[in-house]
Amino acid sequence: MHKAQRWLSRPPAKAEYSAWFQWWARGLDLPVLDLALPVAAGDQISAILTVLDERTVRCNLKNASQGIVLQAFDARAPAGLLVSGATAEWIMERPSPMGTDGWESYELPAYTDFAFSSCLAESAAPESPARREHDLESVRLLRMYEIDRKPASLRTISSAHRDLGPPQRLEMRYVAP
């Protein structure tokens, strides 16, 4: 599930927010499914994704700030794709124009520090119902970089830090230019 923001410049200028879902697979441009979950700036969204089988994920979503629960739905993987359930991700993305390959990104907005909180991933072997919890201690954290062409340099524009809590949190920070 994604929470998206668009800035509409036509008069009157305003921000527009929406919730959406999209399967991701390297090299494929898969369709976006708009979700009937109202979202606004600063809302806290809760998501529980459960892999039911190699083709189906159950999505449970809630806008905790507004107290609105979206009816759970099962998302089927696109033809030819399988769900391994081997990874869990909490993502803050740099936006790209719709219909592009992602390499022509917009500038990263100077966002207010925020955190993904109560982060938890569980796994179970196919032959066993016993679940194993995975904490954030060994997660791979990514930084967003920007390449300046003149003079040639690389600078960090966003970073993530783990707080093993409780509750466990991934704290996101915008690094000013």
N, C-alpha and C. Protein backbone atom coordinates (compact mmCIF):
# COMPACT_ATOMS: atom_id res chain seq x y z
N MET A 1 0.85 -1.16 0.00
CA MET A 1 0.00 0.00 0.00
C MET A 1 0.90 1.22 0.00
N HIS A 2 0.52 2.19 -0.77
CA HIS A 2 1.26 3.43 -0.82
C HIS A 2 0.34 4.57 -0.46
N LYS A 3 0.93 5.59 0.11
CA LYS A 3 0.22 6.84 0.33
C LYS A 3 0.92 7.83 -0.58
N ALA A 4 0.20 8.44 -1.48
CA ALA A 4 0.82 9.32 -2.46
C ALA A 4 0.37 10.76 -2.25
N GLN A 5 1.24 11.66 -2.62
CA GLN A 5 0.92 13.08 -2.61
C GLN A 5 1.22 13.64 -3.97
N ARG A 6 0.31 14.43 -4.49
CA ARG A 6 0.55 15.14 -5.75
C ARG A 6 0.32 16.62 -5.50
N TRP A 7 1.12 17.45 -6.15
CA TRP A 7 0.93 18.89 -6.05
C TRP A 7 0.33 19.36 -7.35
N LEU A 8 -0.88 19.91 -7.27
CA LEU A 8 -1.58 20.40 -8.45
C LEU A 8 -1.31 21.89 -8.57
N SER A 9 -0.66 22.30 -9.66
CA SER A 9 -0.25 23.70 -9.79
C SER A 9 -1.31 24.57 -10.45
N ARG A 10 -2.30 23.95 -11.08
CA ARG A 10 -3.32 24.78 -11.72
C ARG A 10 -4.13 25.49 -10.63
N PRO A 11 -4.58 26.69 -10.90
CA PRO A 11 -5.32 27.44 -9.87
C PRO A 11 -6.61 26.73 -9.48
N PRO A 12 -6.92 26.68 -8.20
CA PRO A 12 -6.02 27.05 -7.11
C PRO A 12 -5.06 25.91 -6.82
N ALA A 13 -3.81 26.25 -6.55
CA ALA A 13 -2.78 25.25 -6.25
C ALA A 13 -3.13 24.54 -4.95
N LYS A 14 -2.94 23.21 -4.93
CA LYS A 14 -3.24 22.45 -3.71
C LYS A 14 -2.55 21.10 -3.77
N ALA A 15 -2.41 20.50 -2.59
CA ALA A 15 -1.88 19.14 -2.49
C ALA A 15 -3.07 18.18 -2.54
N GLU A 16 -2.84 17.02 -3.13
CA GLU A 16 -3.87 15.98 -3.23
C GLU A 16 -3.26 14.67 -2.74
N TYR A 17 -3.99 13.91 -1.93
CA TYR A 17 -3.47 12.69 -1.34
C TYR A 17 -4.34 11.51 -1.73
N SER A 18 -3.72 10.35 -1.89
CA SER A 18 -4.47 9.14 -2.20
C SER A 18 -3.71 7.92 -1.71
N ALA A 19 -4.44 6.82 -1.53
CA ALA A 19 -3.84 5.55 -1.16
C ALA A 19 -3.94 4.63 -2.37
N TRP A 20 -2.88 3.85 -2.61
CA TRP A 20 -2.88 2.96 -3.77
C TRP A 20 -2.01 1.75 -3.51
N PHE A 21 -2.18 0.73 -4.34
CA PHE A 21 -1.46 -0.54 -4.23
C PHE A 21 -0.89 -0.86 -5.60
N GLN A 22 0.32 -1.42 -5.61
CA GLN A 22 0.93 -1.81 -6.88
C GLN A 22 1.90 -2.95 -6.65
N TRP A 23 1.79 -3.98 -7.45
CA TRP A 23 2.80 -5.03 -7.43
C TRP A 23 4.07 -4.47 -8.04
N TRP A 24 5.22 -4.92 -7.56
CA TRP A 24 6.49 -4.49 -8.12
C TRP A 24 7.28 -5.72 -8.53
N ALA A 25 7.81 -5.67 -9.74
CA ALA A 25 8.72 -6.71 -10.23
C ALA A 25 9.71 -6.01 -11.16
N ARG A 26 10.98 -6.29 -10.98
CA ARG A 26 12.03 -5.64 -11.76
C ARG A 26 11.73 -5.74 -13.25
N GLY A 27 11.79 -4.59 -13.92
CA GLY A 27 11.61 -4.54 -15.37
C GLY A 27 10.17 -4.52 -15.85
N LEU A 28 9.21 -4.58 -14.94
CA LEU A 28 7.80 -4.58 -15.35
C LEU A 28 7.12 -3.30 -14.89
N ASP A 29 6.25 -2.76 -15.72
CA ASP A 29 5.44 -1.59 -15.37
C ASP A 29 4.04 -2.10 -15.10
N LEU A 30 3.75 -2.39 -13.83
CA LEU A 30 2.48 -3.00 -13.45
C LEU A 30 1.47 -1.93 -13.04
N PRO A 31 0.18 -2.18 -13.24
CA PRO A 31 -0.84 -1.16 -12.99
C PRO A 31 -0.99 -0.81 -11.51
N VAL A 32 -1.48 0.39 -11.28
CA VAL A 32 -1.76 0.91 -9.95
C VAL A 32 -3.23 0.67 -9.65
N LEU A 33 -3.53 0.21 -8.44
CA LEU A 33 -4.90 0.02 -7.99
C LEU A 33 -5.20 1.08 -6.94
N ASP A 34 -6.09 2.02 -7.26
CA ASP A 34 -6.48 3.03 -6.29
C ASP A 34 -7.29 2.38 -5.19
N LEU A 35 -7.05 2.80 -3.94
CA LEU A 35 -7.74 2.24 -2.79
C LEU A 35 -8.71 3.26 -2.21
N ALA A 36 -9.84 2.80 -1.73
CA ALA A 36 -10.87 3.66 -1.15
C ALA A 36 -10.57 3.93 0.33
N LEU A 37 -9.34 4.33 0.62
CA LEU A 37 -8.95 4.66 1.99
C LEU A 37 -8.55 6.13 2.01
N PRO A 38 -9.35 6.97 2.64
CA PRO A 38 -9.00 8.39 2.70
C PRO A 38 -7.69 8.61 3.45
N VAL A 39 -6.83 9.47 2.93
CA VAL A 39 -5.57 9.82 3.59
C VAL A 39 -5.34 11.32 3.48
N ALA A 40 -4.64 11.86 4.46
CA ALA A 40 -4.30 13.27 4.48
C ALA A 40 -2.87 13.42 5.00
N ALA A 41 -2.30 14.58 4.80
CA ALA A 41 -0.94 14.85 5.29
C ALA A 41 -0.86 14.53 6.77
N GLY A 42 0.18 13.79 7.17
CA GLY A 42 0.42 13.48 8.57
C GLY A 42 -0.34 12.29 9.12
N ASP A 43 -1.22 11.68 8.32
CA ASP A 43 -1.98 10.53 8.81
C ASP A 43 -1.06 9.35 9.11
N GLN A 44 -1.43 8.57 10.12
CA GLN A 44 -0.72 7.34 10.45
C GLN A 44 -1.50 6.18 9.85
N ILE A 45 -0.82 5.42 9.01
CA ILE A 45 -1.43 4.30 8.30
C ILE A 45 -0.86 3.00 8.85
N SER A 46 -1.72 2.05 9.14
CA SER A 46 -1.32 0.74 9.62
C SER A 46 -1.59 -0.27 8.51
N ALA A 47 -0.62 -1.15 8.25
CA ALA A 47 -0.79 -2.16 7.21
C ALA A 47 -0.29 -3.51 7.71
N ILE A 48 -1.09 -4.53 7.48
CA ILE A 48 -0.70 -5.90 7.76
C ILE A 48 -0.87 -6.67 6.45
N LEU A 49 0.23 -7.22 5.95
CA LEU A 49 0.20 -8.00 4.72
C LEU A 49 0.52 -9.44 5.07
N THR A 50 -0.32 -10.36 4.65
CA THR A 50 -0.15 -11.77 4.98
C THR A 50 -0.08 -12.58 3.69
N VAL A 51 1.01 -13.31 3.50
CA VAL A 51 1.15 -14.16 2.33
C VAL A 51 0.30 -15.41 2.59
N LEU A 52 -0.74 -15.59 1.77
CA LEU A 52 -1.63 -16.74 1.92
C LEU A 52 -1.11 -17.96 1.15
N ASP A 53 -0.57 -17.70 -0.02
CA ASP A 53 0.04 -18.75 -0.83
C ASP A 53 0.96 -18.06 -1.83
N GLU A 54 1.56 -18.80 -2.74
CA GLU A 54 2.56 -18.22 -3.64
C GLU A 54 1.99 -17.24 -4.65
N ARG A 55 0.68 -17.07 -4.69
CA ARG A 55 0.07 -16.12 -5.63
C ARG A 55 -0.81 -15.06 -4.95
N THR A 56 -1.04 -15.18 -3.62
CA THR A 56 -2.03 -14.32 -2.97
C THR A 56 -1.49 -13.69 -1.68
N VAL A 57 -1.75 -12.39 -1.54
CA VAL A 57 -1.41 -11.65 -0.32
C VAL A 57 -2.69 -10.99 0.19
N ARG A 58 -3.00 -11.19 1.48
CA ARG A 58 -4.16 -10.51 2.09
C ARG A 58 -3.68 -9.18 2.64
N CYS A 59 -4.40 -8.12 2.30
CA CYS A 59 -4.05 -6.75 2.70
C CYS A 59 -5.08 -6.23 3.69
N ASN A 60 -4.61 -5.85 4.88
CA ASN A 60 -5.44 -5.22 5.91
C ASN A 60 -4.87 -3.84 6.15
N LEU A 61 -5.68 -2.80 5.89
CA LEU A 61 -5.20 -1.42 5.97
C LEU A 61 -6.12 -0.58 6.84
N LYS A 62 -5.50 0.33 7.58
CA LYS A 62 -6.27 1.21 8.46
C LYS A 62 -5.62 2.58 8.49
N ASN A 63 -6.44 3.61 8.38
CA ASN A 63 -5.98 4.97 8.62
C ASN A 63 -6.22 5.20 10.11
N ALA A 64 -5.18 4.99 10.92
CA ALA A 64 -5.30 5.09 12.37
C ALA A 64 -5.66 6.51 12.80
N SER A 65 -5.22 7.51 12.07
CA SER A 65 -5.51 8.90 12.42
C SER A 65 -6.99 9.22 12.28
N GLN A 66 -7.62 8.68 11.25
CA GLN A 66 -9.04 8.96 11.00
C GLN A 66 -9.96 7.85 11.51
N GLY A 67 -9.37 6.73 12.00
CA GLY A 67 -10.17 5.63 12.51
C GLY A 67 -10.96 4.91 11.42
N ILE A 68 -10.41 4.88 10.20
CA ILE A 68 -11.10 4.25 9.08
C ILE A 68 -10.35 2.98 8.68
N VAL A 69 -11.08 1.86 8.61
CA VAL A 69 -10.51 0.59 8.20
C VAL A 69 -11.01 0.27 6.80
N LEU A 70 -10.08 -0.06 5.91
CA LEU A 70 -10.46 -0.50 4.57
C LEU A 70 -10.76 -1.99 4.65
N GLN A 71 -11.85 -2.42 4.06
CA GLN A 71 -12.18 -3.85 4.09
C GLN A 71 -11.00 -4.63 3.54
N ALA A 72 -10.60 -5.69 4.25
CA ALA A 72 -9.47 -6.52 3.82
C ALA A 72 -9.73 -7.02 2.40
N PHE A 73 -8.65 -7.11 1.63
CA PHE A 73 -8.79 -7.64 0.27
C PHE A 73 -7.60 -8.53 -0.04
N ASP A 74 -7.81 -9.49 -0.92
CA ASP A 74 -6.76 -10.40 -1.36
C ASP A 74 -6.23 -9.91 -2.69
N ALA A 75 -4.93 -9.69 -2.76
CA ALA A 75 -4.27 -9.25 -4.00
C ALA A 75 -3.59 -10.45 -4.63
N ARG A 76 -3.96 -10.74 -5.87
CA ARG A 76 -3.37 -11.87 -6.60
C ARG A 76 -2.20 -11.35 -7.43
N ALA A 77 -1.10 -12.06 -7.37
CA ALA A 77 0.09 -11.69 -8.14
C ALA A 77 -0.24 -11.72 -9.63
N PRO A 78 0.34 -10.80 -10.39
CA PRO A 78 0.13 -10.81 -11.84
C PRO A 78 0.61 -12.13 -12.46
N ALA A 79 0.05 -12.46 -13.60
CA ALA A 79 0.39 -13.71 -14.30
C ALA A 79 1.90 -13.87 -14.43
N GLY A 80 2.38 -15.05 -14.10
CA GLY A 80 3.80 -15.37 -14.23
C GLY A 80 4.65 -14.98 -13.04
N LEU A 81 4.07 -14.30 -12.05
CA LEU A 81 4.82 -13.88 -10.86
C LEU A 81 4.38 -14.68 -9.65
N LEU A 82 5.33 -14.92 -8.75
CA LEU A 82 5.05 -15.64 -7.52
C LEU A 82 5.47 -14.79 -6.32
N VAL A 83 4.80 -14.99 -5.20
CA VAL A 83 5.12 -14.28 -3.96
C VAL A 83 5.96 -15.22 -3.10
N SER A 84 7.18 -14.79 -2.79
CA SER A 84 8.03 -15.65 -1.96
C SER A 84 7.79 -15.42 -0.48
N GLY A 85 7.42 -14.20 -0.10
CA GLY A 85 7.27 -13.89 1.31
C GLY A 85 8.60 -13.81 2.03
N ALA A 86 9.69 -13.71 1.27
CA ALA A 86 11.03 -13.76 1.85
C ALA A 86 11.54 -12.40 2.31
N THR A 87 10.84 -11.31 1.99
CA THR A 87 11.31 -9.99 2.39
C THR A 87 10.16 -9.16 2.95
N ALA A 88 10.52 -8.19 3.77
CA ALA A 88 9.58 -7.20 4.27
C ALA A 88 10.27 -5.85 4.11
N GLU A 89 9.51 -4.85 3.67
CA GLU A 89 10.10 -3.53 3.43
C GLU A 89 9.21 -2.43 3.97
N TRP A 90 9.85 -1.40 4.51
CA TRP A 90 9.18 -0.16 4.88
C TRP A 90 9.88 0.88 4.01
N ILE A 91 9.12 1.55 3.15
CA ILE A 91 9.73 2.37 2.10
C ILE A 91 9.21 3.80 2.14
N MET A 92 10.13 4.75 1.99
CA MET A 92 9.81 6.13 1.71
C MET A 92 10.51 6.40 0.38
N GLU A 93 9.73 6.66 -0.67
CA GLU A 93 10.29 6.76 -2.01
C GLU A 93 10.48 8.19 -2.47
N ARG A 94 11.41 8.34 -3.38
CA ARG A 94 11.57 9.59 -4.10
C ARG A 94 10.64 9.52 -5.30
N PRO A 95 9.74 10.47 -5.46
CA PRO A 95 8.73 10.36 -6.52
C PRO A 95 9.32 10.50 -7.92
N SER A 96 8.67 9.83 -8.86
CA SER A 96 9.02 9.90 -10.28
C SER A 96 7.74 10.20 -11.05
N PRO A 97 7.86 10.86 -12.19
CA PRO A 97 6.66 11.09 -13.00
C PRO A 97 6.01 9.77 -13.38
N MET A 98 4.67 9.72 -13.36
CA MET A 98 3.96 8.51 -13.75
C MET A 98 4.34 8.12 -15.16
N GLY A 99 4.51 6.82 -15.39
CA GLY A 99 4.81 6.32 -16.72
C GLY A 99 6.28 6.35 -17.08
N THR A 100 7.16 6.71 -16.12
CA THR A 100 8.60 6.70 -16.42
C THR A 100 9.24 5.50 -15.74
N ASP A 101 10.51 5.27 -16.05
CA ASP A 101 11.20 4.10 -15.49
C ASP A 101 11.78 4.34 -14.11
N GLY A 102 11.57 5.51 -13.52
CA GLY A 102 12.05 5.80 -12.18
C GLY A 102 13.41 6.48 -12.13
N TRP A 103 14.11 6.51 -13.25
CA TRP A 103 15.44 7.15 -13.27
C TRP A 103 15.34 8.66 -13.44
N GLU A 104 14.21 9.14 -13.88
CA GLU A 104 14.02 10.58 -14.06
C GLU A 104 13.18 11.12 -12.90
N SER A 105 13.73 11.05 -11.69
CA SER A 105 12.98 11.39 -10.48
C SER A 105 12.79 12.90 -10.33
N TYR A 106 11.71 13.24 -9.62
CA TYR A 106 11.53 14.61 -9.17
C TYR A 106 12.55 14.86 -8.06
N GLU A 107 12.76 16.12 -7.72
CA GLU A 107 13.60 16.42 -6.55
C GLU A 107 12.88 15.91 -5.31
N LEU A 108 13.65 15.42 -4.36
CA LEU A 108 13.06 14.94 -3.12
C LEU A 108 12.58 16.15 -2.32
N PRO A 109 11.29 16.18 -1.96
CA PRO A 109 10.80 17.31 -1.16
C PRO A 109 11.48 17.34 0.20
N ALA A 110 11.65 18.51 0.76
CA ALA A 110 12.23 18.65 2.10
C ALA A 110 11.16 18.23 3.10
N TYR A 111 11.13 16.92 3.41
CA TYR A 111 10.08 16.38 4.26
C TYR A 111 10.44 16.55 5.74
N THR A 112 9.43 16.53 6.58
CA THR A 112 9.59 16.56 8.03
C THR A 112 10.01 15.17 8.50
N ASP A 113 10.93 15.10 9.45
CA ASP A 113 11.35 13.80 9.98
C ASP A 113 10.12 12.99 10.40
N PHE A 114 10.15 11.70 10.14
CA PHE A 114 9.06 10.81 10.55
C PHE A 114 9.64 9.43 10.80
N ALA A 115 8.79 8.54 11.31
CA ALA A 115 9.24 7.17 11.59
C ALA A 115 8.18 6.17 11.18
N PHE A 116 8.63 5.03 10.69
CA PHE A 116 7.78 3.85 10.57
C PHE A 116 7.87 3.20 11.94
N SER A 117 6.75 3.02 12.63
CA SER A 117 6.82 2.48 13.98
C SER A 117 6.12 1.13 14.08
N SER A 118 6.43 0.43 15.16
CA SER A 118 5.88 -0.91 15.42
C SER A 118 6.17 -1.85 14.25
N CYS A 119 7.38 -1.76 13.71
CA CYS A 119 7.78 -2.58 12.57
C CYS A 119 8.00 -4.02 13.01
N LEU A 120 7.35 -4.93 12.35
CA LEU A 120 7.46 -6.34 12.68
C LEU A 120 7.29 -7.18 11.43
N ALA A 121 8.11 -8.19 11.29
CA ALA A 121 7.95 -9.17 10.22
C ALA A 121 7.99 -10.54 10.86
N GLU A 122 7.16 -11.43 10.37
CA GLU A 122 7.13 -12.81 10.85
C GLU A 122 7.25 -13.74 9.66
N SER A 123 7.81 -14.90 9.91
CA SER A 123 7.88 -15.90 8.84
C SER A 123 7.56 -17.27 9.43
N ALA A 124 7.16 -18.17 8.54
CA ALA A 124 6.89 -19.55 8.95
C ALA A 124 7.28 -20.45 7.79
N ALA A 125 7.87 -21.56 8.09
CA ALA A 125 8.21 -22.54 7.07
C ALA A 125 6.92 -23.16 6.53
N PRO A 126 6.87 -23.50 5.24
CA PRO A 126 5.63 -24.06 4.67
C PRO A 126 5.10 -25.28 5.41
N GLU A 127 5.98 -26.09 5.96
CA GLU A 127 5.54 -27.32 6.62
C GLU A 127 5.23 -27.13 8.11
N SER A 128 5.37 -25.89 8.62
CA SER A 128 5.19 -25.66 10.04
C SER A 128 4.37 -24.39 10.28
N PRO A 129 3.38 -24.45 11.19
CA PRO A 129 2.61 -23.24 11.51
C PRO A 129 3.34 -22.32 12.49
N ALA A 130 4.46 -22.77 13.07
CA ALA A 130 5.20 -21.95 14.04
C ALA A 130 5.77 -20.72 13.34
N ARG A 131 5.59 -19.56 13.96
CA ARG A 131 6.08 -18.30 13.37
C ARG A 131 7.34 -17.85 14.07
N ARG A 132 8.19 -17.21 13.29
CA ARG A 132 9.44 -16.65 13.80
C ARG A 132 9.42 -15.15 13.58
N GLU A 133 9.67 -14.37 14.65
CA GLU A 133 9.70 -12.91 14.53
C GLU A 133 11.07 -12.46 14.06
N HIS A 134 11.08 -11.40 13.25
CA HIS A 134 12.31 -10.79 12.76
C HIS A 134 12.31 -9.34 13.20
N ASP A 135 13.33 -8.94 13.95
CA ASP A 135 13.37 -7.55 14.40
C ASP A 135 14.19 -6.71 13.43
N LEU A 136 14.38 -5.46 13.78
CA LEU A 136 15.06 -4.52 12.89
C LEU A 136 16.58 -4.50 13.07
N GLU A 137 17.09 -5.30 14.00
CA GLU A 137 18.52 -5.25 14.31
C GLU A 137 19.40 -5.53 13.10
N SER A 138 19.00 -6.47 12.25
CA SER A 138 19.86 -6.84 11.12
C SER A 138 19.35 -6.33 9.78
N VAL A 139 18.42 -5.40 9.79
CA VAL A 139 17.88 -4.91 8.52
C VAL A 139 18.91 -4.07 7.76
N ARG A 140 18.75 -4.04 6.47
CA ARG A 140 19.61 -3.22 5.62
C ARG A 140 18.95 -1.86 5.45
N LEU A 141 19.65 -0.82 5.85
CA LEU A 141 19.13 0.54 5.73
C LEU A 141 19.73 1.20 4.50
N LEU A 142 18.90 1.93 3.79
CA LEU A 142 19.35 2.61 2.58
C LEU A 142 19.35 4.12 2.78
N ARG A 143 20.27 4.77 2.11
CA ARG A 143 20.30 6.24 2.08
C ARG A 143 20.00 6.66 0.65
N MET A 144 19.31 7.79 0.50
CA MET A 144 19.09 8.35 -0.83
C MET A 144 20.20 9.35 -1.11
N TYR A 145 20.74 9.25 -2.32
CA TYR A 145 21.81 10.14 -2.73
C TYR A 145 21.37 10.96 -3.93
N GLU A 146 22.02 12.10 -4.09
CA GLU A 146 21.82 12.91 -5.28
C GLU A 146 23.18 13.16 -5.90
N ILE A 147 23.24 13.05 -7.20
CA ILE A 147 24.49 13.28 -7.92
C ILE A 147 24.48 14.71 -8.45
N ASP A 148 25.45 15.48 -8.03
CA ASP A 148 25.63 16.83 -8.57
C ASP A 148 26.65 16.74 -9.68
N ARG A 149 26.31 17.26 -10.83
CA ARG A 149 27.20 17.14 -11.99
C ARG A 149 28.33 18.17 -11.99
N LYS A 150 28.06 19.39 -11.50
CA LYS A 150 29.09 20.44 -11.51
C LYS A 150 29.10 21.11 -10.15
N PRO A 151 30.11 20.97 -9.35
CA PRO A 151 31.20 20.03 -9.53
C PRO A 151 30.72 18.61 -9.23
N ALA A 152 31.36 17.65 -9.81
CA ALA A 152 30.96 16.25 -9.64
C ALA A 152 31.05 15.86 -8.16
N SER A 153 29.91 15.48 -7.59
CA SER A 153 29.89 15.06 -6.19
C SER A 153 28.64 14.23 -5.93
N LEU A 154 28.67 13.56 -4.81
CA LEU A 154 27.56 12.74 -4.37
C LEU A 154 27.21 13.20 -2.97
N ARG A 155 25.93 13.48 -2.72
CA ARG A 155 25.55 13.91 -1.38
C ARG A 155 24.31 13.18 -0.91
N THR A 156 24.25 12.90 0.38
CA THR A 156 23.10 12.24 0.99
C THR A 156 21.96 13.24 1.09
N ILE A 157 20.74 12.81 0.70
CA ILE A 157 19.57 13.68 0.81
C ILE A 157 18.53 13.11 1.78
N SER A 158 18.63 11.82 2.11
CA SER A 158 17.71 11.21 3.06
C SER A 158 18.40 10.01 3.70
N SER A 159 18.18 9.84 4.99
CA SER A 159 18.80 8.71 5.68
C SER A 159 17.80 8.04 6.61
N ALA A 160 18.10 6.79 6.94
CA ALA A 160 17.26 6.00 7.85
C ALA A 160 18.11 5.52 9.02
N HIS A 161 17.51 5.48 10.20
CA HIS A 161 18.17 4.98 11.40
C HIS A 161 17.20 4.06 12.12
N ARG A 162 17.72 3.00 12.73
CA ARG A 162 16.85 2.07 13.46
C ARG A 162 16.86 2.42 14.94
N ASP A 163 15.70 2.29 15.56
CA ASP A 163 15.54 2.42 17.01
C ASP A 163 14.87 1.12 17.43
N LEU A 164 15.60 0.29 18.19
CA LEU A 164 15.09 -1.03 18.53
C LEU A 164 14.06 -1.01 19.66
N GLY A 165 13.69 0.20 20.08
CA GLY A 165 12.53 0.44 20.92
C GLY A 165 12.49 -0.24 22.25
N PRO A 166 11.35 -0.60 22.79
CA PRO A 166 10.09 -0.69 22.07
C PRO A 166 9.37 0.65 21.98
N PRO A 167 8.50 0.85 20.99
CA PRO A 167 8.32 -0.03 19.83
C PRO A 167 9.47 0.17 18.84
N GLN A 168 9.73 -0.83 18.05
CA GLN A 168 10.77 -0.71 17.03
C GLN A 168 10.35 0.33 16.00
N ARG A 169 11.33 1.13 15.58
CA ARG A 169 11.03 2.21 14.64
C ARG A 169 12.15 2.35 13.61
N LEU A 170 11.77 2.74 12.41
CA LEU A 170 12.73 3.18 11.39
C LEU A 170 12.52 4.68 11.25
N GLU A 171 13.52 5.44 11.66
CA GLU A 171 13.39 6.90 11.66
C GLU A 171 13.99 7.44 10.37
N MET A 172 13.21 8.27 9.69
CA MET A 172 13.61 8.85 8.41
C MET A 172 13.95 10.33 8.61
N ARG A 173 15.04 10.76 8.03
CA ARG A 173 15.49 12.15 8.18
C ARG A 173 15.91 12.72 6.83
N TYR A 174 15.37 13.90 6.53
CA TYR A 174 15.78 14.63 5.34
C TYR A 174 17.08 15.35 5.66
N VAL A 175 18.06 15.25 4.78
CA VAL A 175 19.35 15.91 4.98
C VAL A 175 19.38 17.11 4.03
N ALA A 176 19.39 18.30 4.61
CA ALA A 176 19.32 19.52 3.80
C ALA A 176 20.52 19.65 2.88
N PRO A 177 20.30 20.26 1.71
CA PRO A 177 21.41 20.43 0.75
C PRO A 177 22.51 21.33 1.27
